[in-house]
């Protein structure tokens, strides 16, 4: 039913690159081809090569370089009159904006990308852009608004037999089910995503699915060792492909698993590592979530209660500022879990 996964963001002379190519290799090949296209005066090829450069920088956590690259790709595509390439550049920019926590900007850029993709007749960039909008809404916690869009995109991806996009949609819907307490449904969808990704040789999608499975094995079943085993397998993939962001989220999840198991010293150390990784790539959402885990771990290890409360208060404001609707609920649960008076209770 599904063919081998492919990476449509690697275009022009770079279509031979695999979805599993190391990001350092993608960056090197993209930069070389971009320079060659500029020397040859081929604006269209330069725009397409620049997209791969932007995506490699983004996934490596090199935010400033990624920002310059997607904007350059867009300008070059506009000069070349290549509407589809303009859409792909805006998709890259919108994805970067979401990664940086600029969620309103992500919505605007991804909506523009979807509109341009439809105008250009490029169903793939339109689908990727709509998927980006759905993911942005899911991260914000606006499940009512984006569940139907996730399901629409899943149906489209299944109909086209596009493995990578099917895996993405399954993982997104599974995450919504997990966050609303439907653990069995979420587990089944993560499991299907892992199976499709493995058959299609989509190592990135497989690693994310393993992370989801590990989360549910931990929170639903208390199976700490199996969860850590799956996270270790996913980490190997992240390291081999240089997936900096995915690796940081993997470490954050490892911290969650250890924390739930009452292994607070180990959790503290892993959260601290994830925090440093997120801060290094200017990823505010991951930074806030890793910091929350670290604050909770330190509290369990005897940290001063007033300092813990102050940190939680700051995290609530931070998560609100990013636009995560469920962020305050997460922090309030932490107050309750740690036996602290919430801001509502203290009048802070």
C-alpha atoms as a PDB file:
ATOM      1  CA  UNK A   1       0.000   0.000   0.000  1.00  0.00           C
ATOM      2  CA  UNK A   2       2.782   2.427   0.871  1.00  0.00           C
ATOM      3  CA  UNK A   3       5.924   3.066  -1.113  1.00  0.00           C
ATOM      4  CA  UNK A   4       9.301   4.016   0.258  1.00  0.00           C
ATOM      5  CA  UNK A   5       9.340   7.308   2.145  1.00  0.00           C
ATOM      6  CA  UNK A   6      10.768  10.271   0.270  1.00  0.00           C
ATOM      7  CA  UNK A   7      11.734  13.831   1.155  1.00  0.00           C
ATOM      8  CA  UNK A   8       9.960  16.318  -1.157  1.00  0.00           C
ATOM      9  CA  UNK A   9      11.851  19.208   0.441  1.00  0.00           C
ATOM     10  CA  UNK A  10      15.003  17.974  -1.306  1.00  0.00           C
ATOM     11  CA  UNK A  11      14.409  19.252  -4.823  1.00  0.00           C
ATOM     12  CA  UNK A  12      16.097  19.983  -8.127  1.00  0.00           C
ATOM     13  CA  UNK A  13      19.538  18.402  -8.284  1.00  0.00           C
ATOM     14  CA  UNK A  14      19.094  17.181  -4.688  1.00  0.00           C
ATOM     15  CA  UNK A  15      16.226  14.744  -5.283  1.00  0.00           C
ATOM     16  CA  UNK A  16      18.666  11.858  -4.911  1.00  0.00           C
ATOM     17  CA  UNK A  17      19.009  12.672  -1.200  1.00  0.00           C
ATOM     18  CA  UNK A  18      17.170  10.252   1.061  1.00  0.00           C
ATOM     19  CA  UNK A  19      14.709  11.071   3.826  1.00  0.00           C
ATOM     20  CA  UNK A  20      17.298   9.340   6.028  1.00  0.00           C
ATOM     21  CA  UNK A  21      20.305  11.354   4.838  1.00  0.00           C
ATOM     22  CA  UNK A  22      22.426  12.800   7.624  1.00  0.00           C
ATOM     23  CA  UNK A  23      21.604  16.476   8.006  1.00  0.00           C
ATOM     24  CA  UNK A  24      25.260  17.413   7.848  1.00  0.00           C
ATOM     25  CA  UNK A  25      25.423  15.650   4.471  1.00  0.00           C
ATOM     26  CA  UNK A  26      22.258  17.446   3.326  1.00  0.00           C
ATOM     27  CA  UNK A  27      23.707  20.796   4.371  1.00  0.00           C
ATOM     28  CA  UNK A  28      26.979  20.143   2.547  1.00  0.00           C
ATOM     29  CA  UNK A  29      25.271  18.962  -0.650  1.00  0.00           C
ATOM     30  CA  UNK A  30      22.697  21.749  -0.553  1.00  0.00           C
ATOM     31  CA  UNK A  31      25.318  24.457  -0.025  1.00  0.00           C
ATOM     32  CA  UNK A  32      27.457  23.111  -2.860  1.00  0.00           C
ATOM     33  CA  UNK A  33      24.503  22.951  -5.259  1.00  0.00           C
ATOM     34  CA  UNK A  34      23.288  26.405  -4.207  1.00  0.00           C
ATOM     35  CA  UNK A  35      26.661  27.924  -5.034  1.00  0.00           C
ATOM     36  CA  UNK A  36      26.775  26.117  -8.370  1.00  0.00           C
ATOM     37  CA  UNK A  37      23.281  27.375  -9.242  1.00  0.00           C
ATOM     38  CA  UNK A  38      24.226  30.935  -8.315  1.00  0.00           C
ATOM     39  CA  UNK A  39      27.315  30.756 -10.500  1.00  0.00           C
ATOM     40  CA  UNK A  40      25.219  29.421 -13.377  1.00  0.00           C
ATOM     41  CA  UNK A  41      22.601  32.125 -12.870  1.00  0.00           C
ATOM     42  CA  UNK A  42      19.833  29.552 -12.347  1.00  0.00           C
ATOM     43  CA  UNK A  43      17.462  31.220  -9.918  1.00  0.00           C
ATOM     44  CA  UNK A  44      14.981  28.348  -9.875  1.00  0.00           C
ATOM     45  CA  UNK A  45      17.656  25.812  -8.968  1.00  0.00           C
ATOM     46  CA  UNK A  46      19.110  28.204  -6.395  1.00  0.00           C
ATOM     47  CA  UNK A  47      15.689  28.537  -4.733  1.00  0.00           C
ATOM     48  CA  UNK A  48      15.213  24.763  -4.618  1.00  0.00           C
ATOM     49  CA  UNK A  49      18.719  24.144  -3.283  1.00  0.00           C
ATOM     50  CA  UNK A  50      18.279  26.921  -0.749  1.00  0.00           C
ATOM     51  CA  UNK A  51      15.223  25.131   0.629  1.00  0.00           C
ATOM     52  CA  UNK A  52      17.314  22.070   1.500  1.00  0.00           C
ATOM     53  CA  UNK A  53      19.913  24.333   3.128  1.00  0.00           C
ATOM     54  CA  UNK A  54      17.210  26.040   5.209  1.00  0.00           C
ATOM     55  CA  UNK A  55      15.718  22.737   6.348  1.00  0.00           C
ATOM     56  CA  UNK A  56      19.095  21.267   7.259  1.00  0.00           C
ATOM     57  CA  UNK A  57      19.960  24.317   9.342  1.00  0.00           C
ATOM     58  CA  UNK A  58      16.537  24.230  11.031  1.00  0.00           C
ATOM     59  CA  UNK A  59      16.729  20.578  11.984  1.00  0.00           C
ATOM     60  CA  UNK A  60      20.284  21.008  13.207  1.00  0.00           C
ATOM     61  CA  UNK A  61      19.039  23.741  15.524  1.00  0.00           C
ATOM     62  CA  UNK A  62      20.929  26.510  13.702  1.00  0.00           C
ATOM     63  CA  UNK A  63      18.097  28.996  13.887  1.00  0.00           C
ATOM     64  CA  UNK A  64      19.710  32.182  12.565  1.00  0.00           C
ATOM     65  CA  UNK A  65      21.186  30.373   9.548  1.00  0.00           C
ATOM     66  CA  UNK A  66      17.828  28.704   8.852  1.00  0.00           C
ATOM     67  CA  UNK A  67      16.056  32.054   8.978  1.00  0.00           C
ATOM     68  CA  UNK A  68      18.435  33.610   6.466  1.00  0.00           C
ATOM     69  CA  UNK A  69      18.254  30.566   4.181  1.00  0.00           C
ATOM     70  CA  UNK A  70      14.469  30.274   3.857  1.00  0.00           C
ATOM     71  CA  UNK A  71      14.126  34.014   3.213  1.00  0.00           C
ATOM     72  CA  UNK A  72      16.825  33.885   0.538  1.00  0.00           C
ATOM     73  CA  UNK A  73      15.102  30.881  -1.053  1.00  0.00           C
ATOM     74  CA  UNK A  74      11.783  32.760  -1.102  1.00  0.00           C
ATOM     75  CA  UNK A  75      13.302  35.893  -2.655  1.00  0.00           C
ATOM     76  CA  UNK A  76      15.061  33.873  -5.328  1.00  0.00           C
ATOM     77  CA  UNK A  77      11.909  31.864  -6.110  1.00  0.00           C
ATOM     78  CA  UNK A  78       9.903  35.082  -6.437  1.00  0.00           C
ATOM     79  CA  UNK A  79      12.506  36.521  -8.826  1.00  0.00           C
ATOM     80  CA  UNK A  80      12.303  33.296 -10.848  1.00  0.00           C
ATOM     81  CA  UNK A  81       8.501  33.403 -10.887  1.00  0.00           C
ATOM     82  CA  UNK A  82       8.373  29.917  -9.338  1.00  0.00           C
ATOM     83  CA  UNK A  83       5.183  29.925  -7.255  1.00  0.00           C
ATOM     84  CA  UNK A  84       5.627  26.378  -5.955  1.00  0.00           C
ATOM     85  CA  UNK A  85       9.166  27.127  -4.776  1.00  0.00           C
ATOM     86  CA  UNK A  86       7.862  30.260  -3.045  1.00  0.00           C
ATOM     87  CA  UNK A  87       5.320  28.063  -1.246  1.00  0.00           C
ATOM     88  CA  UNK A  88       8.005  25.607  -0.140  1.00  0.00           C
ATOM     89  CA  UNK A  89      10.151  28.439   1.223  1.00  0.00           C
ATOM     90  CA  UNK A  90       7.195  29.837   3.184  1.00  0.00           C
ATOM     91  CA  UNK A  91       6.497  26.339   4.526  1.00  0.00           C
ATOM     92  CA  UNK A  92      10.084  26.167   5.775  1.00  0.00           C
ATOM     93  CA  UNK A  93       9.782  29.623   7.330  1.00  0.00           C
ATOM     94  CA  UNK A  94       6.494  28.752   9.009  1.00  0.00           C
ATOM     95  CA  UNK A  95       7.925  25.530  10.401  1.00  0.00           C
ATOM     96  CA  UNK A  96      10.902  27.445  11.768  1.00  0.00           C
ATOM     97  CA  UNK A  97       8.576  30.025  13.334  1.00  0.00           C
ATOM     98  CA  UNK A  98       6.698  27.254  15.134  1.00  0.00           C
ATOM     99  CA  UNK A  99       9.986  25.765  16.320  1.00  0.00           C
ATOM    100  CA  UNK A 100      10.970  29.171  17.718  1.00  0.00           C
ATOM    101  CA  UNK A 101       7.659  29.576  19.526  1.00  0.00           C
ATOM    102  CA  UNK A 102       6.366  32.343  17.232  1.00  0.00           C
ATOM    103  CA  UNK A 103       3.035  30.600  16.734  1.00  0.00           C
ATOM    104  CA  UNK A 104       0.999  33.488  15.194  1.00  0.00           C
ATOM    105  CA  UNK A 105       3.759  34.003  12.621  1.00  0.00           C
ATOM    106  CA  UNK A 106       3.808  30.263  11.936  1.00  0.00           C
ATOM    107  CA  UNK A 107       0.069  30.348  11.198  1.00  0.00           C
ATOM    108  CA  UNK A 108       0.452  33.271   8.770  1.00  0.00           C
ATOM    109  CA  UNK A 109       3.385  31.824   6.842  1.00  0.00           C
ATOM    110  CA  UNK A 110       1.904  28.329   6.614  1.00  0.00           C
ATOM    111  CA  UNK A 111      -1.465  29.667   5.458  1.00  0.00           C
ATOM    112  CA  UNK A 112       0.288  31.694   2.741  1.00  0.00           C
ATOM    113  CA  UNK A 113       2.273  28.602   1.772  1.00  0.00           C
ATOM    114  CA  UNK A 114      -0.903  26.510   1.470  1.00  0.00           C
ATOM    115  CA  UNK A 115      -2.567  29.174  -0.688  1.00  0.00           C
ATOM    116  CA  UNK A 116       0.466  29.471  -2.981  1.00  0.00           C
ATOM    117  CA  UNK A 117       0.768  25.692  -3.201  1.00  0.00           C
ATOM    118  CA  UNK A 118      -2.860  25.428  -4.277  1.00  0.00           C
ATOM    119  CA  UNK A 119      -2.358  28.219  -6.835  1.00  0.00           C
ATOM    120  CA  UNK A 120       0.711  26.419  -8.203  1.00  0.00           C
ATOM    121  CA  UNK A 121      -1.071  23.062  -8.353  1.00  0.00           C
ATOM    122  CA  UNK A 122       1.518  21.489  -6.023  1.00  0.00           C
ATOM    123  CA  UNK A 123      -0.570  19.166  -3.848  1.00  0.00           C
ATOM    124  CA  UNK A 124       2.450  18.110  -1.806  1.00  0.00           C
ATOM    125  CA  UNK A 125       3.471  21.550  -0.555  1.00  0.00           C
ATOM    126  CA  UNK A 126      -0.201  22.371   0.026  1.00  0.00           C
ATOM    127  CA  UNK A 127      -0.527  19.207   2.117  1.00  0.00           C
ATOM    128  CA  UNK A 128       2.665  19.878   4.049  1.00  0.00           C
ATOM    129  CA  UNK A 129       1.554  23.446   4.754  1.00  0.00           C
ATOM    130  CA  UNK A 130      -1.885  22.384   5.969  1.00  0.00           C
ATOM    131  CA  UNK A 131      -0.146  19.770   8.101  1.00  0.00           C
ATOM    132  CA  UNK A 132       2.042  22.495   9.553  1.00  0.00           C
ATOM    133  CA  UNK A 133      -1.056  24.515  10.456  1.00  0.00           C
ATOM    134  CA  UNK A 134      -2.621  21.448  12.063  1.00  0.00           C
ATOM    135  CA  UNK A 135       0.524  20.752  14.052  1.00  0.00           C
ATOM    136  CA  UNK A 136       0.727  24.367  15.208  1.00  0.00           C
ATOM    137  CA  UNK A 137      -2.842  24.181  16.506  1.00  0.00           C
ATOM    138  CA  UNK A 138      -2.165  20.843  18.181  1.00  0.00           C
ATOM    139  CA  UNK A 139       0.900  22.219  19.957  1.00  0.00           C
ATOM    140  CA  UNK A 140      -1.201  25.141  21.162  1.00  0.00           C
ATOM    141  CA  UNK A 141      -3.690  22.656  22.589  1.00  0.00           C
ATOM    142  CA  UNK A 142      -6.528  23.760  20.287  1.00  0.00           C
ATOM    143  CA  UNK A 143      -7.627  20.190  19.596  1.00  0.00           C
ATOM    144  CA  UNK A 144     -11.205  20.992  18.590  1.00  0.00           C
ATOM    145  CA  UNK A 145      -9.971  23.234  15.798  1.00  0.00           C
ATOM    146  CA  UNK A 146      -7.384  20.902  14.261  1.00  0.00           C
ATOM    147  CA  UNK A 147      -8.473  17.292  14.874  1.00  0.00           C
ATOM    148  CA  UNK A 148     -10.647  17.279  11.745  1.00  0.00           C
ATOM    149  CA  UNK A 149      -7.781  18.737   9.695  1.00  0.00           C
ATOM    150  CA  UNK A 150      -5.422  16.020  10.960  1.00  0.00           C
ATOM    151  CA  UNK A 151      -7.968  13.377   9.963  1.00  0.00           C
ATOM    152  CA  UNK A 152      -8.506  14.955   6.529  1.00  0.00           C
ATOM    153  CA  UNK A 153      -4.772  14.962   5.871  1.00  0.00           C
ATOM    154  CA  UNK A 154      -4.469  11.367   7.079  1.00  0.00           C
ATOM    155  CA  UNK A 155      -7.175  10.304   4.612  1.00  0.00           C
ATOM    156  CA  UNK A 156      -5.447  12.165   1.764  1.00  0.00           C
ATOM    157  CA  UNK A 157      -2.059  10.637   2.608  1.00  0.00           C
ATOM    158  CA  UNK A 158      -3.530   7.120   2.795  1.00  0.00           C
ATOM    159  CA  UNK A 159      -5.296   7.637  -0.545  1.00  0.00           C
ATOM    160  CA  UNK A 160      -2.017   8.681  -2.212  1.00  0.00           C
ATOM    161  CA  UNK A 161      -0.045   5.944  -0.445  1.00  0.00           C
ATOM    162  CA  UNK A 162       2.354   8.558   0.925  1.00  0.00           C
ATOM    163  CA  UNK A 163       4.006   6.833   3.865  1.00  0.00           C
ATOM    164  CA  UNK A 164       5.830   9.743   5.451  1.00  0.00           C
ATOM    165  CA  UNK A 165       2.760  11.968   5.566  1.00  0.00           C
ATOM    166  CA  UNK A 166       0.580   9.095   6.818  1.00  0.00           C
ATOM    167  CA  UNK A 167       3.031   8.524   9.662  1.00  0.00           C
ATOM    168  CA  UNK A 168       3.017  12.229  10.543  1.00  0.00           C
ATOM    169  CA  UNK A 169      -0.792  12.383  10.636  1.00  0.00           C
ATOM    170  CA  UNK A 170      -1.119   9.191  12.691  1.00  0.00           C
ATOM    171  CA  UNK A 171       1.393  10.513  15.218  1.00  0.00           C
ATOM    172  CA  UNK A 172      -0.403  13.856  15.467  1.00  0.00           C
ATOM    173  CA  UNK A 173      -3.821  12.285  16.079  1.00  0.00           C
ATOM    174  CA  UNK A 174      -2.245   9.803  18.501  1.00  0.00           C
ATOM    175  CA  UNK A 175      -0.753  12.698  20.470  1.00  0.00           C
ATOM    176  CA  UNK A 176      -4.167  14.344  20.754  1.00  0.00           C
ATOM    177  CA  UNK A 177      -5.645  11.085  22.066  1.00  0.00           C
ATOM    178  CA  UNK A 178      -2.750  10.697  24.504  1.00  0.00           C
ATOM    179  CA  UNK A 179      -3.191  14.242  25.824  1.00  0.00           C
ATOM    180  CA  UNK A 180      -6.924  13.690  26.335  1.00  0.00           C
ATOM    181  CA  UNK A 181      -6.426  10.412  28.196  1.00  0.00           C
ATOM    182  CA  UNK A 182      -7.365   7.906  25.464  1.00  0.00           C
ATOM    183  CA  UNK A 183      -4.173   5.921  25.953  1.00  0.00           C
ATOM    184  CA  UNK A 184      -5.244   2.696  24.238  1.00  0.00           C
ATOM    185  CA  UNK A 185      -6.292   4.502  21.054  1.00  0.00           C
ATOM    186  CA  UNK A 186      -3.120   6.571  21.095  1.00  0.00           C
ATOM    187  CA  UNK A 187      -0.948   3.486  21.556  1.00  0.00           C
ATOM    188  CA  UNK A 188      -2.594   1.702  18.615  1.00  0.00           C
ATOM    189  CA  UNK A 189      -2.018   4.714  16.352  1.00  0.00           C
ATOM    190  CA  UNK A 190       1.607   5.162  17.413  1.00  0.00           C
ATOM    191  CA  UNK A 191       2.093   1.437  16.814  1.00  0.00           C
ATOM    192  CA  UNK A 192       0.631   1.674  13.296  1.00  0.00           C
ATOM    193  CA  UNK A 193       2.809   4.717  12.589  1.00  0.00           C
ATOM    194  CA  UNK A 194       5.912   2.817  13.724  1.00  0.00           C
ATOM    195  CA  UNK A 195       5.045  -0.146  11.495  1.00  0.00           C
ATOM    196  CA  UNK A 196       4.416   1.993   8.401  1.00  0.00           C
ATOM    197  CA  UNK A 197       7.579   4.039   9.019  1.00  0.00           C
ATOM    198  CA  UNK A 198       9.680   0.894   9.411  1.00  0.00           C
ATOM    199  CA  UNK A 199       8.344  -0.639   6.176  1.00  0.00           C
ATOM    200  CA  UNK A 200       8.842   2.654   4.297  1.00  0.00           C
ATOM    201  CA  UNK A 201      12.327   3.205   5.757  1.00  0.00           C
ATOM    202  CA  UNK A 202      11.300   6.506   7.346  1.00  0.00           C
ATOM    203  CA  UNK A 203      13.748   6.522  10.242  1.00  0.00           C
ATOM    204  CA  UNK A 204      12.792   9.987  11.506  1.00  0.00           C
ATOM    205  CA  UNK A 205       9.087   9.101  11.631  1.00  0.00           C
ATOM    206  CA  UNK A 206       9.919   5.783  13.263  1.00  0.00           C
ATOM    207  CA  UNK A 207      11.944   7.498  15.987  1.00  0.00           C
ATOM    208  CA  UNK A 208       9.045   9.866  16.797  1.00  0.00           C
ATOM    209  CA  UNK A 209       6.634   6.910  16.928  1.00  0.00           C
ATOM    210  CA  UNK A 210       8.908   5.060  19.338  1.00  0.00           C
ATOM    211  CA  UNK A 211       8.938   8.134  21.557  1.00  0.00           C
ATOM    212  CA  UNK A 212       5.144   8.133  21.607  1.00  0.00           C
ATOM    213  CA  UNK A 213       4.985   4.439  22.430  1.00  0.00           C
ATOM    214  CA  UNK A 214       7.512   4.882  25.235  1.00  0.00           C
ATOM    215  CA  UNK A 215       5.443   7.701  26.730  1.00  0.00           C
ATOM    216  CA  UNK A 216       2.289   5.586  26.880  1.00  0.00           C
ATOM    217  CA  UNK A 217       4.082   2.491  28.189  1.00  0.00           C
ATOM    218  CA  UNK A 218       5.355   4.692  30.994  1.00  0.00           C
ATOM    219  CA  UNK A 219       2.217   6.668  31.868  1.00  0.00           C
ATOM    220  CA  UNK A 220      -0.355   3.888  31.292  1.00  0.00           C
ATOM    221  CA  UNK A 221       1.508   0.719  32.240  1.00  0.00           C
ATOM    222  CA  UNK A 222       4.377   1.901  34.426  1.00  0.00           C
ATOM    223  CA  UNK A 223       6.706  -0.140  32.192  1.00  0.00           C
ATOM    224  CA  UNK A 224       9.795   1.989  32.749  1.00  0.00           C
ATOM    225  CA  UNK A 225      12.413  -0.365  31.364  1.00  0.00           C
ATOM    226  CA  UNK A 226      10.611  -1.048  28.081  1.00  0.00           C
ATOM    227  CA  UNK A 227       9.977   2.681  27.665  1.00  0.00           C
ATOM    228  CA  UNK A 228      13.664   3.462  28.203  1.00  0.00           C
ATOM    229  CA  UNK A 229      14.600   0.727  25.740  1.00  0.00           C
ATOM    230  CA  UNK A 230      12.423   2.272  23.014  1.00  0.00           C
ATOM    231  CA  UNK A 231      13.819   5.725  23.734  1.00  0.00           C
ATOM    232  CA  UNK A 232      17.337   4.326  23.448  1.00  0.00           C
ATOM    233  CA  UNK A 233      16.506   2.924  20.014  1.00  0.00           C
ATOM    234  CA  UNK A 234      15.056   6.261  18.923  1.00  0.00           C
ATOM    235  CA  UNK A 235      18.093   8.120  20.274  1.00  0.00           C
ATOM    236  CA  UNK A 236      20.408   6.023  18.101  1.00  0.00           C
ATOM    237  CA  UNK A 237      18.484   7.156  15.022  1.00  0.00           C
ATOM    238  CA  UNK A 238      18.499  10.798  16.145  1.00  0.00           C
ATOM    239  CA  UNK A 239      22.260  10.743  16.630  1.00  0.00           C
ATOM    240  CA  UNK A 240      22.990   8.978  13.351  1.00  0.00           C
ATOM    241  CA  UNK A 241      20.878  11.487  11.412  1.00  0.00           C
ATOM    242  CA  UNK A 242      21.956  14.494  13.517  1.00  0.00           C
ATOM    243  CA  UNK A 243      18.344  15.294  14.453  1.00  0.00           C
ATOM    244  CA  UNK A 244      19.091  17.862  17.138  1.00  0.00           C
ATOM    245  CA  UNK A 245      15.509  18.822  17.920  1.00  0.00           C
ATOM    246  CA  UNK A 246      14.195  15.258  17.963  1.00  0.00           C
ATOM    247  CA  UNK A 247      17.103  14.228  20.201  1.00  0.00           C
ATOM    248  CA  UNK A 248      16.315  16.986  22.703  1.00  0.00           C
ATOM    249  CA  UNK A 249      12.659  15.941  22.836  1.00  0.00           C
ATOM    250  CA  UNK A 250      13.785  12.338  23.236  1.00  0.00           C
ATOM    251  CA  UNK A 251      15.860  13.352  26.254  1.00  0.00           C
ATOM    252  CA  UNK A 252      12.942  15.334  27.674  1.00  0.00           C
ATOM    253  CA  UNK A 253      10.743  12.245  27.369  1.00  0.00           C
ATOM    254  CA  UNK A 254      13.415  10.124  29.028  1.00  0.00           C
ATOM    255  CA  UNK A 255      13.285  12.595  31.904  1.00  0.00           C
ATOM    256  CA  UNK A 256       9.484  12.169  32.057  1.00  0.00           C
ATOM    257  CA  UNK A 257       9.791   8.384  32.204  1.00  0.00           C
ATOM    258  CA  UNK A 258      12.414   8.498  34.942  1.00  0.00           C
ATOM    259  CA  UNK A 259      10.431  11.062  36.933  1.00  0.00           C
ATOM    260  CA  UNK A 260       7.272   8.942  36.821  1.00  0.00           C
ATOM    261  CA  UNK A 261       9.329   6.004  38.096  1.00  0.00           C
ATOM    262  CA  UNK A 262      10.510   8.034  41.090  1.00  0.00           C
ATOM    263  CA  UNK A 263      14.108   8.078  39.839  1.00  0.00           C
ATOM    264  CA  UNK A 264      14.448  11.782  40.552  1.00  0.00           C
ATOM    265  CA  UNK A 265      18.229  12.188  40.475  1.00  0.00           C
ATOM    266  CA  UNK A 266      18.441  10.533  37.045  1.00  0.00           C
ATOM    267  CA  UNK A 267      15.467  12.581  35.852  1.00  0.00           C
ATOM    268  CA  UNK A 268      17.112  15.801  37.073  1.00  0.00           C
ATOM    269  CA  UNK A 269      20.272  15.083  35.096  1.00  0.00           C
ATOM    270  CA  UNK A 270      18.414  14.172  31.903  1.00  0.00           C
ATOM    271  CA  UNK A 271      16.110  17.199  32.113  1.00  0.00           C
ATOM    272  CA  UNK A 272      19.169  19.420  32.594  1.00  0.00           C
ATOM    273  CA  UNK A 273      20.743  17.963  29.460  1.00  0.00           C
ATOM    274  CA  UNK A 274      17.536  18.468  27.455  1.00  0.00           C
ATOM    275  CA  UNK A 275      17.245  22.033  28.766  1.00  0.00           C
ATOM    276  CA  UNK A 276      20.752  22.862  27.567  1.00  0.00           C
ATOM    277  CA  UNK A 277      19.998  21.342  24.158  1.00  0.00           C
ATOM    278  CA  UNK A 278      16.780  23.326  23.741  1.00  0.00           C
ATOM    279  CA  UNK A 279      18.420  26.562  24.861  1.00  0.00           C
ATOM    280  CA  UNK A 280      21.249  25.955  22.399  1.00  0.00           C
ATOM    281  CA  UNK A 281      18.801  25.835  19.489  1.00  0.00           C
ATOM    282  CA  UNK A 282      16.528  28.676  20.681  1.00  0.00           C
ATOM    283  CA  UNK A 283      13.529  26.367  21.114  1.00  0.00           C
ATOM    284  CA  UNK A 284      11.280  28.072  23.714  1.00  0.00           C
ATOM    285  CA  UNK A 285       8.584  25.408  23.960  1.00  0.00           C
ATOM    286  CA  UNK A 286      11.063  22.610  24.619  1.00  0.00           C
ATOM    287  CA  UNK A 287      13.010  24.883  26.957  1.00  0.00           C
ATOM    288  CA  UNK A 288       9.921  25.551  29.072  1.00  0.00           C
ATOM    289  CA  UNK A 289       8.876  21.899  29.200  1.00  0.00           C
ATOM    290  CA  UNK A 290      12.373  20.692  30.127  1.00  0.00           C
ATOM    291  CA  UNK A 291      12.623  23.403  32.780  1.00  0.00           C
ATOM    292  CA  UNK A 292       9.279  22.311  34.236  1.00  0.00           C
ATOM    293  CA  UNK A 293      10.547  18.750  34.540  1.00  0.00           C
ATOM    294  CA  UNK A 294      13.779  19.970  36.117  1.00  0.00           C
ATOM    295  CA  UNK A 295      11.932  22.149  38.658  1.00  0.00           C
ATOM    296  CA  UNK A 296       9.722  19.208  39.649  1.00  0.00           C
ATOM    297  CA  UNK A 297      12.710  16.863  39.976  1.00  0.00           C
ATOM    298  CA  UNK A 298      14.617  19.332  42.156  1.00  0.00           C
ATOM    299  CA  UNK A 299      11.539  19.783  44.323  1.00  0.00           C
ATOM    300  CA  UNK A 300      11.354  16.025  44.860  1.00  0.00           C
ATOM    301  CA  UNK A 301      15.015  16.101  45.877  1.00  0.00           C
ATOM    302  CA  UNK A 302      14.352  18.624  48.652  1.00  0.00           C
ATOM    303  CA  UNK A 303      14.681  22.042  47.017  1.00  0.00           C
ATOM    304  CA  UNK A 304      13.233  25.017  48.899  1.00  0.00           C
ATOM    305  CA  UNK A 305       9.470  25.152  48.408  1.00  0.00           C
ATOM    306  CA  UNK A 306       9.317  28.922  47.958  1.00  0.00           C
ATOM    307  CA  UNK A 307      11.934  28.800  45.207  1.00  0.00           C
ATOM    308  CA  UNK A 308      10.013  26.002  43.515  1.00  0.00           C
ATOM    309  CA  UNK A 309       6.786  28.033  43.645  1.00  0.00           C
ATOM    310  CA  UNK A 310       8.553  31.068  42.180  1.00  0.00           C
ATOM    311  CA  UNK A 311       9.897  28.985  39.319  1.00  0.00           C
ATOM    312  CA  UNK A 312       6.477  27.497  38.598  1.00  0.00           C
ATOM    313  CA  UNK A 313       4.945  30.967  38.577  1.00  0.00           C
ATOM    314  CA  UNK A 314       7.517  32.100  36.014  1.00  0.00           C
ATOM    315  CA  UNK A 315       6.943  29.001  33.894  1.00  0.00           C
ATOM    316  CA  UNK A 316       3.195  29.621  33.822  1.00  0.00           C
ATOM    317  CA  UNK A 317       3.792  33.109  32.413  1.00  0.00           C
ATOM    318  CA  UNK A 318       6.346  31.755  29.953  1.00  0.00           C
ATOM    319  CA  UNK A 319       4.028  29.048  28.625  1.00  0.00           C
ATOM    320  CA  UNK A 320       1.184  31.547  28.361  1.00  0.00           C
ATOM    321  CA  UNK A 321       3.478  33.856  26.398  1.00  0.00           C
ATOM    322  CA  UNK A 322       4.310  31.112  23.913  1.00  0.00           C
ATOM    323  CA  UNK A 323       0.598  30.515  23.397  1.00  0.00           C
ATOM    324  CA  UNK A 324       0.303  26.999  24.814  1.00  0.00           C
ATOM    325  CA  UNK A 325      -3.265  26.781  26.033  1.00  0.00           C
ATOM    326  CA  UNK A 326      -2.585  23.695  28.123  1.00  0.00           C
ATOM    327  CA  UNK A 327       0.597  25.154  29.626  1.00  0.00           C
ATOM    328  CA  UNK A 328      -1.075  26.718  32.653  1.00  0.00           C
ATOM    329  CA  UNK A 329      -2.908  23.454  33.354  1.00  0.00           C
ATOM    330  CA  UNK A 330       0.431  21.622  33.325  1.00  0.00           C
ATOM    331  CA  UNK A 331       1.899  24.041  35.833  1.00  0.00           C
ATOM    332  CA  UNK A 332      -1.182  23.928  38.064  1.00  0.00           C
ATOM    333  CA  UNK A 333      -0.915  20.137  38.119  1.00  0.00           C
ATOM    334  CA  UNK A 334       2.695  20.539  39.212  1.00  0.00           C
ATOM    335  CA  UNK A 335       1.617  22.789  42.134  1.00  0.00           C
ATOM    336  CA  UNK A 336      -0.891  20.140  43.204  1.00  0.00           C
ATOM    337  CA  UNK A 337       1.498  17.240  42.711  1.00  0.00           C
ATOM    338  CA  UNK A 338       4.174  18.922  44.819  1.00  0.00           C
ATOM    339  CA  UNK A 339       1.737  19.997  47.535  1.00  0.00           C
ATOM    340  CA  UNK A 340       2.193  23.718  46.901  1.00  0.00           C
ATOM    341  CA  UNK A 341      -0.426  26.432  47.035  1.00  0.00           C
ATOM    342  CA  UNK A 342      -1.295  27.477  43.495  1.00  0.00           C
ATOM    343  CA  UNK A 343      -1.222  31.154  42.406  1.00  0.00           C
ATOM    344  CA  UNK A 344      -5.025  31.136  42.530  1.00  0.00           C
ATOM    345  CA  UNK A 345      -4.878  29.971  46.136  1.00  0.00           C
ATOM    346  CA  UNK A 346      -2.251  32.477  47.264  1.00  0.00           C
ATOM    347  CA  UNK A 347      -3.513  35.511  45.368  1.00  0.00           C
ATOM    348  CA  UNK A 348      -0.194  35.858  43.560  1.00  0.00           C
END
